[in-house]
């Protein structure tokens, strides 16, 4: 029980930041490209309560934990976007979708910088160091999961935007079954073949990006 409480204390803040900024980024991008729907509904907000979904944020991670999935993930309340309001709907849909994972990648970078700075004053086992490391892992997991190319995940929306119109329309029809497909793949252990490589590539890219800072502080 103590381990669970400690894990919750370490991951709570990084998860809240990761979910909140991911969804707020979608809302900001939608408004930037011409759709004010999310803004008018108060979703361009840093208040976590605006974005938490009982099923995606709570139930799915719990189920995955008990079935022994190698990755625990979920999703927040989807940001409403009226794509017809975008200036160039097919193109801008991809940018709105990428804004969320992009926010997670940026947060992973900031948590990495925090680890480097904190390592000058703290041991690896200290609370804030563990929180920063949890922030890296949390954001890389959310980044990779949301880029999985099945709608309504962000990767699915990007792929729909790229495909020629007739194929895009047919592919978008998967949206009603998308989360069942992803959840099934996760429970069967197949999703790791997507998650692990994407997380590794993203982590290596971020490490290369901050390597000058690491060198200066070493």
N, C-alpha and C. Protein backbone atom coordinates (compact mmCIF):
# COMPACT_ATOMS: atom_id res chain seq x y z
N UNK A 1 0.82 -1.20 0.00
CA UNK A 1 0.00 0.00 0.00
C UNK A 1 0.86 1.26 0.00
N UNK A 2 1.94 1.23 0.81
CA UNK A 2 2.83 2.39 0.85
C UNK A 2 3.46 2.66 -0.51
N UNK A 3 3.82 1.57 -1.23
CA UNK A 3 4.41 1.74 -2.57
C UNK A 3 3.42 2.38 -3.53
N UNK A 4 2.14 1.99 -3.43
CA UNK A 4 1.12 2.56 -4.29
C UNK A 4 0.93 4.05 -4.01
N UNK A 5 0.94 4.40 -2.73
CA UNK A 5 0.78 5.80 -2.34
C UNK A 5 1.97 6.62 -2.83
N UNK A 6 3.17 6.07 -2.69
CA UNK A 6 4.37 6.78 -3.15
C UNK A 6 4.35 6.96 -4.67
N UNK A 7 3.94 5.90 -5.38
CA UNK A 7 3.86 5.98 -6.84
C UNK A 7 2.85 7.03 -7.27
N UNK A 8 1.70 7.06 -6.59
CA UNK A 8 0.67 8.06 -6.90
C UNK A 8 1.21 9.47 -6.67
N UNK A 9 1.92 9.66 -5.55
CA UNK A 9 2.45 10.97 -5.22
C UNK A 9 3.47 11.44 -6.25
N UNK A 10 4.24 10.51 -6.79
CA UNK A 10 5.27 10.85 -7.77
C UNK A 10 4.66 11.17 -9.13
N UNK A 11 3.64 10.40 -9.52
CA UNK A 11 3.09 10.52 -10.87
C UNK A 11 1.92 11.49 -10.99
N UNK A 12 1.28 11.86 -9.88
CA UNK A 12 0.05 12.66 -9.95
C UNK A 12 0.25 13.97 -10.71
N UNK A 13 1.24 14.74 -10.32
CA UNK A 13 1.47 16.04 -10.95
C UNK A 13 1.89 15.91 -12.42
N UNK A 14 2.86 15.04 -12.75
CA UNK A 14 3.21 14.89 -14.17
C UNK A 14 2.03 14.46 -15.04
N UNK A 15 1.18 13.56 -14.53
CA UNK A 15 0.04 13.11 -15.32
C UNK A 15 -0.95 14.24 -15.52
N UNK A 16 -1.22 15.01 -14.47
CA UNK A 16 -2.15 16.14 -14.60
C UNK A 16 -1.64 17.16 -15.61
N UNK A 17 -0.36 17.48 -15.53
CA UNK A 17 0.24 18.40 -16.50
C UNK A 17 0.14 17.83 -17.92
N UNK A 18 0.48 16.55 -18.06
CA UNK A 18 0.52 15.92 -19.38
C UNK A 18 -0.85 15.93 -20.04
N UNK A 19 -1.88 15.57 -19.28
CA UNK A 19 -3.23 15.51 -19.84
C UNK A 19 -3.76 16.91 -20.12
N UNK A 20 -3.58 17.81 -19.16
CA UNK A 20 -4.15 19.15 -19.28
C UNK A 20 -3.54 19.91 -20.45
N UNK A 21 -2.21 19.92 -20.54
CA UNK A 21 -1.56 20.67 -21.61
C UNK A 21 -1.77 20.03 -22.97
N UNK A 22 -1.89 18.70 -23.00
CA UNK A 22 -2.20 18.01 -24.25
C UNK A 22 -3.52 18.51 -24.83
N UNK A 23 -4.56 18.52 -24.00
CA UNK A 23 -5.88 18.93 -24.48
C UNK A 23 -5.95 20.43 -24.75
N UNK A 24 -5.33 21.22 -23.88
CA UNK A 24 -5.31 22.67 -24.09
C UNK A 24 -4.61 23.02 -25.40
N UNK A 25 -3.57 22.24 -25.75
CA UNK A 25 -2.85 22.48 -27.01
C UNK A 25 -3.75 22.22 -28.21
N UNK A 26 -4.56 21.17 -28.14
CA UNK A 26 -5.54 20.92 -29.21
C UNK A 26 -6.47 22.12 -29.36
N UNK A 27 -6.98 22.61 -28.22
CA UNK A 27 -7.92 23.73 -28.25
C UNK A 27 -7.27 24.99 -28.81
N UNK A 28 -6.03 25.25 -28.40
CA UNK A 28 -5.32 26.42 -28.90
C UNK A 28 -5.10 26.32 -30.41
N UNK A 29 -4.66 25.14 -30.87
CA UNK A 29 -4.39 24.96 -32.30
C UNK A 29 -5.67 25.12 -33.12
N UNK A 30 -6.78 24.55 -32.60
CA UNK A 30 -8.05 24.68 -33.32
C UNK A 30 -8.45 26.14 -33.46
N UNK A 31 -8.28 26.90 -32.39
CA UNK A 31 -8.63 28.33 -32.46
C UNK A 31 -7.69 29.06 -33.42
N UNK A 32 -6.42 28.71 -33.39
CA UNK A 32 -5.44 29.35 -34.27
C UNK A 32 -5.80 29.13 -35.73
N UNK A 33 -6.31 27.94 -36.04
CA UNK A 33 -6.63 27.62 -37.44
C UNK A 33 -8.09 27.93 -37.79
N UNK A 34 -8.82 28.58 -36.88
CA UNK A 34 -10.11 29.11 -37.28
C UNK A 34 -11.34 28.58 -36.57
N UNK A 35 -11.20 27.57 -35.67
CA UNK A 35 -12.37 27.02 -34.99
C UNK A 35 -12.36 27.40 -33.52
N UNK A 36 -13.39 28.10 -33.07
CA UNK A 36 -13.48 28.58 -31.69
C UNK A 36 -14.31 27.67 -30.79
N UNK A 37 -14.72 26.50 -31.28
CA UNK A 37 -15.62 25.64 -30.52
C UNK A 37 -15.06 25.30 -29.14
N UNK A 38 -13.84 24.78 -29.09
CA UNK A 38 -13.23 24.39 -27.82
C UNK A 38 -13.03 25.60 -26.91
N UNK A 39 -12.64 26.73 -27.49
CA UNK A 39 -12.45 27.94 -26.71
C UNK A 39 -13.77 28.38 -26.07
N UNK A 40 -14.87 28.34 -26.84
CA UNK A 40 -16.16 28.77 -26.33
C UNK A 40 -16.68 27.84 -25.25
N UNK A 41 -16.24 26.58 -25.27
CA UNK A 41 -16.66 25.61 -24.25
C UNK A 41 -15.69 25.56 -23.07
N UNK A 42 -14.74 26.46 -23.03
CA UNK A 42 -13.82 26.55 -21.91
C UNK A 42 -12.73 25.50 -21.88
N UNK A 43 -12.46 24.87 -23.02
CA UNK A 43 -11.46 23.80 -23.05
C UNK A 43 -10.04 24.30 -23.31
N UNK A 44 -9.90 25.56 -23.66
CA UNK A 44 -8.55 26.13 -23.80
C UNK A 44 -8.12 26.59 -22.42
N UNK A 45 -8.00 25.62 -21.51
CA UNK A 45 -7.83 25.91 -20.10
C UNK A 45 -6.75 25.02 -19.51
N UNK A 46 -6.06 25.53 -18.49
CA UNK A 46 -5.08 24.74 -17.75
C UNK A 46 -5.68 24.13 -16.49
N UNK A 47 -7.00 24.17 -16.37
CA UNK A 47 -7.69 23.54 -15.24
C UNK A 47 -7.90 22.06 -15.56
N UNK A 48 -7.25 21.13 -14.83
CA UNK A 48 -7.37 19.70 -15.13
C UNK A 48 -8.81 19.20 -15.13
N UNK A 49 -9.66 19.77 -14.27
CA UNK A 49 -11.05 19.31 -14.18
C UNK A 49 -11.80 19.47 -15.49
N UNK A 50 -11.36 20.39 -16.34
CA UNK A 50 -12.01 20.61 -17.63
C UNK A 50 -11.73 19.48 -18.61
N UNK A 51 -10.71 18.67 -18.34
CA UNK A 51 -10.25 17.70 -19.34
C UNK A 51 -10.34 16.24 -18.89
N UNK A 52 -10.59 15.97 -17.61
CA UNK A 52 -10.60 14.60 -17.11
C UNK A 52 -11.85 13.86 -17.59
N UNK A 53 -11.65 12.65 -18.11
CA UNK A 53 -12.73 11.79 -18.55
C UNK A 53 -12.79 10.57 -17.62
N UNK A 54 -13.94 10.27 -17.03
CA UNK A 54 -14.02 9.15 -16.06
C UNK A 54 -13.57 7.81 -16.64
N UNK A 55 -13.91 7.56 -17.90
CA UNK A 55 -13.53 6.28 -18.52
C UNK A 55 -12.07 6.31 -18.96
N UNK A 56 -11.71 7.30 -19.76
CA UNK A 56 -10.37 7.32 -20.35
C UNK A 56 -9.27 7.65 -19.37
N UNK A 57 -9.56 8.52 -18.41
CA UNK A 57 -8.53 8.95 -17.47
C UNK A 57 -8.42 8.03 -16.26
N UNK A 58 -9.52 7.36 -15.91
CA UNK A 58 -9.53 6.54 -14.70
C UNK A 58 -9.73 5.05 -14.99
N UNK A 59 -10.83 4.70 -15.66
CA UNK A 59 -11.19 3.29 -15.82
C UNK A 59 -10.19 2.51 -16.66
N UNK A 60 -9.84 3.03 -17.84
CA UNK A 60 -8.96 2.29 -18.75
C UNK A 60 -7.58 2.03 -18.13
N UNK A 61 -6.92 3.04 -17.51
CA UNK A 61 -5.63 2.73 -16.87
C UNK A 61 -5.75 1.66 -15.79
N UNK A 62 -6.85 1.67 -15.04
CA UNK A 62 -7.04 0.66 -13.98
C UNK A 62 -7.18 -0.73 -14.59
N UNK A 63 -7.99 -0.83 -15.66
CA UNK A 63 -8.17 -2.13 -16.33
C UNK A 63 -6.85 -2.64 -16.88
N UNK A 64 -6.08 -1.76 -17.54
CA UNK A 64 -4.80 -2.16 -18.10
C UNK A 64 -3.83 -2.62 -17.02
N UNK A 65 -3.91 -1.97 -15.85
CA UNK A 65 -3.04 -2.37 -14.74
C UNK A 65 -3.34 -3.80 -14.30
N UNK A 66 -4.63 -4.12 -14.19
CA UNK A 66 -5.01 -5.44 -13.68
C UNK A 66 -4.85 -6.55 -14.71
N UNK A 67 -4.84 -6.21 -16.01
CA UNK A 67 -4.61 -7.26 -17.01
C UNK A 67 -3.13 -7.40 -17.33
N UNK A 68 -2.28 -6.60 -16.67
CA UNK A 68 -0.84 -6.74 -16.83
C UNK A 68 -0.27 -6.14 -18.08
N UNK A 69 -0.92 -5.11 -18.63
CA UNK A 69 -0.39 -4.45 -19.81
C UNK A 69 0.97 -3.82 -19.50
N UNK A 70 1.93 -3.94 -20.43
CA UNK A 70 3.26 -3.34 -20.17
C UNK A 70 3.22 -1.82 -20.16
N UNK A 71 2.15 -1.21 -20.69
CA UNK A 71 2.02 0.23 -20.69
C UNK A 71 0.68 0.61 -20.08
N UNK A 72 0.71 1.59 -19.18
CA UNK A 72 -0.51 2.14 -18.62
C UNK A 72 -0.76 3.49 -19.29
N UNK A 73 -1.91 3.65 -19.89
CA UNK A 73 -2.23 4.90 -20.55
C UNK A 73 -3.73 5.09 -20.56
N UNK A 74 -4.14 6.24 -20.96
CA UNK A 74 -5.57 6.55 -21.06
C UNK A 74 -5.72 7.79 -21.91
N UNK A 75 -6.85 8.42 -21.79
CA UNK A 75 -7.08 9.63 -22.57
C UNK A 75 -7.98 10.57 -21.79
N UNK A 76 -7.93 11.81 -22.13
CA UNK A 76 -8.76 12.82 -21.48
C UNK A 76 -10.03 13.03 -22.29
N UNK A 77 -10.91 13.88 -21.81
CA UNK A 77 -12.13 14.22 -22.53
C UNK A 77 -11.73 14.88 -23.85
N UNK A 78 -12.15 14.31 -24.98
CA UNK A 78 -11.74 14.88 -26.27
C UNK A 78 -12.15 16.34 -26.42
N UNK A 79 -11.25 17.13 -26.97
CA UNK A 79 -11.55 18.53 -27.23
C UNK A 79 -12.47 18.62 -28.45
N UNK A 80 -13.59 19.33 -28.35
CA UNK A 80 -14.50 19.43 -29.50
C UNK A 80 -13.91 20.34 -30.58
N UNK A 81 -13.85 19.81 -31.78
CA UNK A 81 -13.35 20.58 -32.92
C UNK A 81 -14.34 20.44 -34.07
N UNK A 82 -14.81 21.55 -34.57
CA UNK A 82 -15.68 21.56 -35.75
C UNK A 82 -14.79 21.82 -36.96
N UNK A 83 -14.40 20.73 -37.61
CA UNK A 83 -13.38 20.83 -38.65
C UNK A 83 -13.82 21.69 -39.83
N UNK A 84 -15.12 21.81 -40.05
CA UNK A 84 -15.59 22.65 -41.15
C UNK A 84 -15.29 24.12 -40.92
N UNK A 85 -15.02 24.49 -39.65
CA UNK A 85 -14.69 25.88 -39.34
C UNK A 85 -13.22 26.21 -39.60
N UNK A 86 -12.39 25.19 -39.76
CA UNK A 86 -10.97 25.43 -40.02
C UNK A 86 -10.79 26.04 -41.40
N UNK A 87 -9.76 26.85 -41.53
CA UNK A 87 -9.56 27.54 -42.80
C UNK A 87 -9.29 26.57 -43.95
N UNK A 88 -8.53 25.53 -43.66
CA UNK A 88 -8.29 24.47 -44.64
C UNK A 88 -8.50 23.15 -43.90
N UNK A 89 -9.75 22.67 -43.84
CA UNK A 89 -10.09 21.55 -42.94
C UNK A 89 -9.19 20.33 -43.06
N UNK A 90 -8.94 19.86 -44.26
CA UNK A 90 -8.18 18.62 -44.40
C UNK A 90 -6.73 18.78 -43.94
N UNK A 91 -6.12 19.91 -44.29
CA UNK A 91 -4.74 20.15 -43.87
C UNK A 91 -4.66 20.51 -42.39
N UNK A 92 -5.51 21.42 -41.96
CA UNK A 92 -5.44 21.92 -40.58
C UNK A 92 -5.82 20.87 -39.56
N UNK A 93 -6.62 19.87 -39.96
CA UNK A 93 -6.97 18.79 -39.06
C UNK A 93 -5.71 18.09 -38.54
N UNK A 94 -4.72 17.93 -39.41
CA UNK A 94 -3.47 17.28 -39.01
C UNK A 94 -2.73 18.12 -37.97
N UNK A 95 -2.68 19.45 -38.19
CA UNK A 95 -1.97 20.31 -37.25
C UNK A 95 -2.66 20.35 -35.89
N UNK A 96 -3.98 20.37 -35.90
CA UNK A 96 -4.72 20.36 -34.63
C UNK A 96 -4.45 19.04 -33.89
N UNK A 97 -4.43 17.94 -34.63
CA UNK A 97 -4.17 16.64 -34.02
C UNK A 97 -2.75 16.55 -33.46
N UNK A 98 -1.79 17.08 -34.21
CA UNK A 98 -0.39 17.00 -33.78
C UNK A 98 -0.07 17.91 -32.60
N UNK A 99 -0.91 18.90 -32.36
CA UNK A 99 -0.62 19.85 -31.27
C UNK A 99 -0.56 19.15 -29.92
N UNK A 100 -1.43 18.17 -29.69
CA UNK A 100 -1.43 17.48 -28.40
C UNK A 100 -0.17 16.69 -28.16
N UNK A 101 0.18 15.73 -29.04
CA UNK A 101 1.45 15.02 -28.87
C UNK A 101 2.66 15.95 -28.86
N UNK A 102 2.58 17.04 -29.65
CA UNK A 102 3.67 18.00 -29.65
C UNK A 102 3.87 18.63 -28.27
N UNK A 103 2.76 18.92 -27.59
CA UNK A 103 2.84 19.46 -26.23
C UNK A 103 3.48 18.45 -25.28
N UNK A 104 3.16 17.16 -25.45
CA UNK A 104 3.76 16.13 -24.60
C UNK A 104 5.25 15.99 -24.86
N UNK A 105 5.65 16.10 -26.13
CA UNK A 105 7.07 16.02 -26.45
C UNK A 105 7.82 17.19 -25.84
N UNK A 106 7.23 18.37 -25.88
CA UNK A 106 7.85 19.55 -25.26
C UNK A 106 7.96 19.37 -23.76
N UNK A 107 6.90 18.83 -23.14
CA UNK A 107 6.96 18.62 -21.69
C UNK A 107 8.01 17.58 -21.32
N UNK A 108 8.14 16.53 -22.13
CA UNK A 108 9.18 15.53 -21.87
C UNK A 108 10.56 16.20 -21.91
N UNK A 109 10.75 17.11 -22.87
CA UNK A 109 12.01 17.84 -22.97
C UNK A 109 12.26 18.68 -21.71
N UNK A 110 11.23 19.37 -21.24
CA UNK A 110 11.38 20.21 -20.05
C UNK A 110 11.66 19.36 -18.80
N UNK A 111 11.01 18.19 -18.71
CA UNK A 111 11.29 17.31 -17.57
C UNK A 111 12.72 16.78 -17.65
N UNK A 112 13.22 16.52 -18.85
CA UNK A 112 14.61 16.07 -19.01
C UNK A 112 15.59 17.14 -18.52
N UNK A 113 15.30 18.38 -18.88
CA UNK A 113 16.14 19.48 -18.41
C UNK A 113 16.08 19.57 -16.89
N UNK A 114 14.89 19.36 -16.33
CA UNK A 114 14.73 19.38 -14.87
C UNK A 114 15.58 18.29 -14.22
N UNK A 115 15.62 17.11 -14.84
CA UNK A 115 16.44 16.01 -14.30
C UNK A 115 17.90 16.41 -14.28
N UNK A 116 18.37 17.03 -15.37
CA UNK A 116 19.78 17.43 -15.46
C UNK A 116 20.11 18.45 -14.37
N UNK A 117 19.24 19.45 -14.21
CA UNK A 117 19.49 20.49 -13.22
C UNK A 117 19.40 19.93 -11.80
N UNK A 118 18.37 19.13 -11.54
CA UNK A 118 18.19 18.57 -10.20
C UNK A 118 19.30 17.60 -9.81
N UNK A 119 19.88 16.92 -10.81
CA UNK A 119 20.95 15.96 -10.53
C UNK A 119 22.18 16.63 -9.95
N UNK A 120 22.27 17.96 -10.11
CA UNK A 120 23.40 18.69 -9.54
C UNK A 120 23.24 18.85 -8.04
N UNK A 121 22.02 18.68 -7.53
CA UNK A 121 21.76 18.93 -6.12
C UNK A 121 21.14 17.73 -5.39
N UNK A 122 20.62 16.74 -6.12
CA UNK A 122 19.87 15.66 -5.50
C UNK A 122 20.34 14.30 -6.00
N UNK A 123 20.04 13.28 -5.20
CA UNK A 123 20.28 11.90 -5.62
C UNK A 123 19.12 11.43 -6.48
N UNK A 124 19.34 10.34 -7.22
CA UNK A 124 18.33 9.82 -8.14
C UNK A 124 17.05 9.40 -7.42
N UNK A 125 17.17 9.02 -6.15
CA UNK A 125 16.00 8.53 -5.42
C UNK A 125 15.19 9.61 -4.73
N UNK A 126 15.63 10.86 -4.77
CA UNK A 126 14.89 11.93 -4.12
C UNK A 126 13.56 12.18 -4.82
N UNK A 127 12.62 12.70 -4.05
CA UNK A 127 11.24 12.83 -4.53
C UNK A 127 11.14 13.63 -5.83
N UNK A 128 11.76 14.79 -5.87
CA UNK A 128 11.62 15.64 -7.05
C UNK A 128 12.34 15.06 -8.26
N UNK A 129 13.42 14.33 -8.03
CA UNK A 129 14.09 13.64 -9.13
C UNK A 129 13.18 12.54 -9.69
N UNK A 130 12.55 11.80 -8.81
CA UNK A 130 11.64 10.74 -9.26
C UNK A 130 10.44 11.35 -10.00
N UNK A 131 9.97 12.50 -9.53
CA UNK A 131 8.86 13.16 -10.21
C UNK A 131 9.27 13.60 -11.61
N UNK A 132 10.46 14.16 -11.75
CA UNK A 132 10.93 14.59 -13.06
C UNK A 132 11.09 13.40 -14.00
N UNK A 133 11.62 12.29 -13.49
CA UNK A 133 11.76 11.09 -14.31
C UNK A 133 10.39 10.54 -14.70
N UNK A 134 9.44 10.62 -13.76
CA UNK A 134 8.06 10.20 -14.07
C UNK A 134 7.46 11.11 -15.13
N UNK A 135 7.80 12.39 -15.10
CA UNK A 135 7.31 13.32 -16.10
C UNK A 135 7.79 12.96 -17.50
N UNK A 136 9.05 12.53 -17.60
CA UNK A 136 9.58 12.11 -18.91
C UNK A 136 8.81 10.90 -19.41
N UNK A 137 8.71 9.87 -18.56
CA UNK A 137 8.05 8.64 -18.96
C UNK A 137 6.58 8.86 -19.31
N UNK A 138 5.88 9.62 -18.46
CA UNK A 138 4.45 9.87 -18.70
C UNK A 138 4.22 10.53 -20.03
N UNK A 139 5.00 11.55 -20.33
CA UNK A 139 4.78 12.29 -21.58
C UNK A 139 5.20 11.50 -22.80
N UNK A 140 6.23 10.67 -22.69
CA UNK A 140 6.61 9.82 -23.81
C UNK A 140 5.55 8.77 -24.09
N UNK A 141 4.95 8.22 -23.03
CA UNK A 141 3.88 7.24 -23.20
C UNK A 141 2.67 7.88 -23.88
N UNK A 142 2.25 9.05 -23.39
CA UNK A 142 1.09 9.73 -23.97
C UNK A 142 1.39 10.16 -25.41
N UNK A 143 2.61 10.61 -25.66
CA UNK A 143 3.03 10.99 -27.01
C UNK A 143 2.89 9.80 -27.96
N UNK A 144 3.47 8.66 -27.60
CA UNK A 144 3.45 7.49 -28.47
C UNK A 144 2.04 6.94 -28.64
N UNK A 145 1.30 6.86 -27.54
CA UNK A 145 -0.05 6.30 -27.60
C UNK A 145 -0.95 7.12 -28.52
N UNK A 146 -0.90 8.43 -28.38
CA UNK A 146 -1.78 9.28 -29.17
C UNK A 146 -1.40 9.32 -30.65
N UNK A 147 -0.17 8.96 -30.98
CA UNK A 147 0.23 8.93 -32.38
C UNK A 147 -0.10 7.60 -33.06
N UNK A 148 -0.66 6.65 -32.30
CA UNK A 148 -1.06 5.38 -32.93
C UNK A 148 -2.08 5.69 -34.02
N UNK A 149 -1.87 5.20 -35.25
CA UNK A 149 -2.66 5.68 -36.40
C UNK A 149 -4.04 5.05 -36.55
N UNK A 150 -4.84 5.15 -35.51
CA UNK A 150 -6.23 4.70 -35.57
C UNK A 150 -7.11 5.81 -35.00
N UNK A 151 -8.10 6.30 -35.76
CA UNK A 151 -8.98 7.33 -35.22
C UNK A 151 -9.84 6.72 -34.10
N UNK A 152 -10.18 7.51 -33.07
CA UNK A 152 -10.06 8.96 -32.97
C UNK A 152 -8.76 9.44 -32.33
N UNK A 153 -7.76 8.57 -32.20
CA UNK A 153 -6.48 9.03 -31.68
C UNK A 153 -5.86 10.03 -32.67
N UNK A 154 -4.95 10.83 -32.15
CA UNK A 154 -4.36 11.90 -32.97
C UNK A 154 -3.67 11.36 -34.21
N UNK A 155 -2.98 10.23 -34.06
CA UNK A 155 -2.31 9.64 -35.22
C UNK A 155 -3.30 9.23 -36.29
N UNK A 156 -4.47 8.76 -35.87
CA UNK A 156 -5.51 8.41 -36.83
C UNK A 156 -6.03 9.62 -37.58
N UNK A 157 -6.15 10.73 -36.87
CA UNK A 157 -6.62 11.96 -37.53
C UNK A 157 -5.56 12.49 -38.50
N UNK A 158 -4.30 12.36 -38.14
CA UNK A 158 -3.23 12.79 -39.05
C UNK A 158 -3.25 11.94 -40.31
N UNK A 159 -3.38 10.62 -40.14
CA UNK A 159 -3.41 9.73 -41.30
C UNK A 159 -4.63 10.02 -42.17
N UNK A 160 -5.78 10.29 -41.54
CA UNK A 160 -6.98 10.65 -42.29
C UNK A 160 -6.76 11.92 -43.10
N UNK A 161 -6.02 12.85 -42.53
CA UNK A 161 -5.73 14.11 -43.23
C UNK A 161 -4.82 13.89 -44.42
N UNK A 162 -3.93 12.91 -44.33
CA UNK A 162 -2.95 12.67 -45.39
C UNK A 162 -3.55 11.86 -46.54
N UNK A 163 -4.43 10.93 -46.23
CA UNK A 163 -4.99 10.04 -47.25
C UNK A 163 -5.83 10.81 -48.27
N UNK A 164 -5.88 10.32 -49.51
CA UNK A 164 -6.79 10.91 -50.51
C UNK A 164 -8.23 10.84 -50.00
N UNK A 165 -9.05 11.77 -50.44
CA UNK A 165 -10.39 11.95 -49.89
C UNK A 165 -11.23 10.67 -49.80
N UNK A 166 -11.32 9.84 -50.85
CA UNK A 166 -12.17 8.64 -50.75
C UNK A 166 -11.69 7.68 -49.66
N UNK A 167 -10.36 7.49 -49.57
CA UNK A 167 -9.80 6.60 -48.55
C UNK A 167 -9.90 7.22 -47.16
N UNK A 168 -9.73 8.54 -47.10
CA UNK A 168 -9.83 9.24 -45.82
C UNK A 168 -11.22 9.07 -45.24
N UNK A 169 -12.25 9.18 -46.07
CA UNK A 169 -13.63 9.03 -45.60
C UNK A 169 -13.86 7.63 -45.04
N UNK A 170 -13.39 6.61 -45.75
CA UNK A 170 -13.57 5.23 -45.27
C UNK A 170 -12.78 4.98 -43.99
N UNK A 171 -11.55 5.52 -43.95
CA UNK A 171 -10.72 5.29 -42.75
C UNK A 171 -11.31 6.00 -41.53
N UNK A 172 -11.89 7.17 -41.75
CA UNK A 172 -12.48 7.91 -40.63
C UNK A 172 -13.64 7.17 -40.00
N UNK A 173 -14.26 6.24 -40.75
CA UNK A 173 -15.38 5.47 -40.22
C UNK A 173 -14.96 4.48 -39.13
N UNK A 174 -13.64 4.27 -38.99
CA UNK A 174 -13.13 3.43 -37.90
C UNK A 174 -13.28 4.09 -36.53
N UNK A 175 -13.59 5.39 -36.54
CA UNK A 175 -13.57 6.15 -35.28
C UNK A 175 -14.46 5.55 -34.21
N UNK A 176 -15.61 5.01 -34.59
CA UNK A 176 -16.53 4.44 -33.60
C UNK A 176 -15.97 3.19 -32.93
N UNK A 177 -14.98 2.57 -33.56
CA UNK A 177 -14.42 1.32 -33.02
C UNK A 177 -12.96 1.48 -32.60
N UNK A 178 -12.42 2.68 -32.79
CA UNK A 178 -10.99 2.88 -32.60
C UNK A 178 -10.47 2.50 -31.23
N UNK A 179 -11.14 2.97 -30.18
CA UNK A 179 -10.63 2.70 -28.84
C UNK A 179 -10.77 1.23 -28.47
N UNK A 180 -11.78 0.54 -29.00
CA UNK A 180 -11.90 -0.90 -28.76
C UNK A 180 -10.76 -1.64 -29.44
N UNK A 181 -10.40 -1.18 -30.64
CA UNK A 181 -9.27 -1.79 -31.35
C UNK A 181 -7.98 -1.60 -30.56
N UNK A 182 -7.75 -0.36 -30.11
CA UNK A 182 -6.51 -0.07 -29.38
C UNK A 182 -6.48 -0.80 -28.04
N UNK A 183 -7.61 -0.81 -27.34
CA UNK A 183 -7.66 -1.49 -26.04
C UNK A 183 -7.42 -2.99 -26.21
N UNK A 184 -8.00 -3.56 -27.26
CA UNK A 184 -7.78 -4.99 -27.53
C UNK A 184 -6.33 -5.28 -27.83
N UNK A 185 -5.69 -4.45 -28.64
CA UNK A 185 -4.28 -4.63 -28.96
C UNK A 185 -3.41 -4.51 -27.71
N UNK A 186 -3.79 -3.58 -26.82
CA UNK A 186 -3.03 -3.41 -25.58
C UNK A 186 -3.18 -4.63 -24.68
N UNK A 187 -4.40 -5.14 -24.55
CA UNK A 187 -4.65 -6.28 -23.67
C UNK A 187 -3.98 -7.54 -24.20
N UNK A 188 -3.84 -7.65 -25.53
CA UNK A 188 -3.17 -8.80 -26.13
C UNK A 188 -1.66 -8.64 -26.19
N UNK A 189 -1.17 -7.47 -25.80
CA UNK A 189 0.27 -7.24 -25.76
C UNK A 189 0.89 -6.81 -27.07
N UNK A 190 0.06 -6.50 -28.09
CA UNK A 190 0.60 -6.13 -29.39
C UNK A 190 0.96 -4.65 -29.48
N UNK A 191 0.33 -3.83 -28.66
CA UNK A 191 0.55 -2.39 -28.76
C UNK A 191 1.98 -2.01 -28.42
N UNK A 192 2.66 -2.85 -27.65
CA UNK A 192 4.04 -2.54 -27.26
C UNK A 192 4.95 -2.45 -28.48
N UNK A 193 4.59 -3.14 -29.56
CA UNK A 193 5.43 -3.11 -30.76
C UNK A 193 5.35 -1.75 -31.46
N UNK A 194 4.36 -0.95 -31.11
CA UNK A 194 4.29 0.44 -31.56
C UNK A 194 4.87 1.37 -30.51
N UNK A 195 4.46 1.16 -29.28
CA UNK A 195 4.82 2.09 -28.20
C UNK A 195 6.33 2.14 -27.97
N UNK A 196 6.95 0.99 -27.81
CA UNK A 196 8.37 0.96 -27.44
C UNK A 196 9.26 1.64 -28.49
N UNK A 197 9.13 1.34 -29.79
CA UNK A 197 9.99 2.02 -30.76
C UNK A 197 9.75 3.52 -30.84
N UNK A 198 8.48 3.93 -30.80
CA UNK A 198 8.19 5.37 -30.90
C UNK A 198 8.75 6.11 -29.69
N UNK A 199 8.58 5.53 -28.50
CA UNK A 199 9.13 6.15 -27.29
C UNK A 199 10.65 6.21 -27.35
N UNK A 200 11.27 5.15 -27.84
CA UNK A 200 12.74 5.13 -27.91
C UNK A 200 13.26 6.19 -28.87
N UNK A 201 12.62 6.31 -30.04
CA UNK A 201 13.05 7.32 -31.02
C UNK A 201 12.87 8.72 -30.45
N UNK A 202 11.72 8.97 -29.82
CA UNK A 202 11.46 10.29 -29.24
C UNK A 202 12.45 10.60 -28.13
N UNK A 203 12.71 9.62 -27.27
CA UNK A 203 13.65 9.82 -26.17
C UNK A 203 15.05 10.12 -26.69
N UNK A 204 15.49 9.36 -27.69
CA UNK A 204 16.83 9.57 -28.25
C UNK A 204 16.94 10.95 -28.92
N UNK A 205 15.87 11.36 -29.60
CA UNK A 205 15.88 12.68 -30.24
C UNK A 205 15.98 13.80 -29.21
N UNK A 206 15.25 13.66 -28.12
CA UNK A 206 15.29 14.68 -27.06
C UNK A 206 16.65 14.68 -26.36
N UNK A 207 17.21 13.49 -26.14
CA UNK A 207 18.53 13.41 -25.52
C UNK A 207 19.58 14.09 -26.39
N UNK A 208 19.47 13.90 -27.70
CA UNK A 208 20.41 14.55 -28.61
C UNK A 208 20.23 16.07 -28.57
N UNK A 209 18.98 16.49 -28.43
CA UNK A 209 18.69 17.93 -28.41
C UNK A 209 19.29 18.62 -27.19
N UNK A 210 19.27 17.93 -26.05
CA UNK A 210 19.80 18.54 -24.83
C UNK A 210 21.24 18.16 -24.54
N UNK A 211 21.86 17.42 -25.46
CA UNK A 211 23.24 16.99 -25.22
C UNK A 211 24.21 18.15 -24.98
N UNK A 212 24.05 19.32 -25.65
CA UNK A 212 24.96 20.45 -25.32
C UNK A 212 24.83 20.88 -23.86
N UNK A 213 23.60 20.89 -23.34
CA UNK A 213 23.39 21.27 -21.94
C UNK A 213 24.02 20.23 -21.02
N UNK A 214 23.81 18.97 -21.37
CA UNK A 214 24.42 17.90 -20.56
C UNK A 214 25.93 18.03 -20.54
N UNK A 215 26.51 18.35 -21.69
CA UNK A 215 27.96 18.51 -21.79
C UNK A 215 28.45 19.69 -20.94
N UNK A 216 27.73 20.81 -20.99
CA UNK A 216 28.15 21.99 -20.25
C UNK A 216 28.10 21.78 -18.74
N UNK A 217 27.11 21.01 -18.29
CA UNK A 217 26.93 20.82 -16.85
C UNK A 217 27.65 19.61 -16.29
N UNK A 218 28.27 18.82 -17.18
CA UNK A 218 28.98 17.61 -16.72
C UNK A 218 30.35 17.98 -16.16
